[in-house]
Protein backbone atom coordinates (compact mmCIF):
# COMPACT_ATOMS: atom_id res chain seq x y z
CA MET A 1 3.01 13.57 4.01
CA HIS A 2 6.09 12.11 5.71
CA ALA A 3 3.96 9.36 7.28
CA LEU A 4 2.62 8.44 3.85
CA ILE A 5 6.14 8.15 2.43
CA GLU A 6 7.26 5.98 5.36
CA ALA A 7 4.21 3.75 4.98
CA HIS A 8 4.94 3.40 1.26
CA ARG A 9 8.51 2.34 2.04
CA THR A 10 7.27 -0.23 4.55
CA ILE A 11 4.72 -1.67 2.15
CA THR A 12 7.02 -1.86 -0.85
CA SER A 13 9.90 -3.47 0.99
CA GLY A 14 9.71 -7.22 0.48
CA THR A 15 11.75 -9.87 2.21
CA ASP A 16 13.73 -10.82 -0.90
CA SER A 17 13.58 -7.61 -2.89
CA ASN A 18 11.73 -4.34 -3.18
CA ARG A 19 9.73 -5.62 -6.13
CA TRP A 20 7.34 -7.96 -4.31
CA TRP A 21 4.46 -6.96 -6.61
CA GLU A 22 6.04 -8.39 -9.78
CA THR A 23 5.74 -12.13 -9.03
CA PRO A 24 2.65 -13.64 -10.71
CA PHE A 25 -0.03 -14.83 -8.28
CA ASP A 26 0.02 -18.38 -9.63
CA GLN A 27 3.67 -18.72 -8.55
CA LEU A 28 3.04 -17.87 -4.89
CA ASN A 29 2.48 -20.27 -2.00
CA PRO A 30 -0.39 -19.65 0.48
CA ARG A 31 1.80 -17.66 2.89
CA GLU A 32 3.05 -15.43 0.08
CA LEU A 33 -0.50 -14.93 -1.19
CA TYR A 34 -1.58 -13.81 2.26
CA GLU A 35 1.38 -11.42 2.47
CA ARG A 36 0.56 -10.02 -0.97
CA TYR A 37 -3.07 -9.52 0.06
CA SER A 38 -1.89 -7.76 3.21
CA HIS A 39 0.43 -5.45 1.25
CA PHE A 40 -2.30 -4.49 -1.22
CA SER A 41 -4.80 -3.96 1.60
CA LYS A 42 -2.42 -1.55 3.34
CA LEU A 43 -1.78 0.26 0.07
CA LEU A 44 -5.51 0.60 -0.58
CA ASP A 45 -5.99 1.98 2.94
CA LEU A 46 -3.28 4.57 2.28
CA PHE A 47 -4.97 5.64 -0.95
CA HIS A 48 -8.29 5.97 0.87
CA ILE A 49 -6.75 8.03 3.69
CA SER A 50 -4.92 10.28 1.25
CA ARG A 51 -8.06 10.81 -0.83
CA SER A 52 -10.16 11.54 2.25
CA LYS A 53 -7.65 14.15 3.42
CA LYS A 54 -7.67 15.83 0.00
CA ILE A 55 -11.48 15.91 -0.03
CA ALA A 56 -11.58 17.34 3.49
CA THR A 57 -9.03 20.00 2.57
CA ALA A 58 -10.90 20.93 -0.61
CA SER A 59 -14.27 21.14 1.14
CA SER A 60 -12.87 23.28 3.97
CA THR A 61 -11.53 25.85 1.51
CA VAL A 62 -14.88 26.30 -0.23
C-alpha cells in the first residue's frame, strides 16, 4: 500500500503545481500533452495493478 501512495504522490506532483490535471487539453503545448498522457498512463497502470491485487486476494480466500 505504501508503494501505491508514493506512486500517487509522484504522479500528482507537477512541475508548477500539484494540480497538473486541471489545465484544459487545448491549452497545452505538445510537450505538456505528452507529459499529461504519461501521467494518466501511469495512473491507469496503478489502478490496474491495484485491481489485480484485490482480485487475486479475493480469489485466494474463496
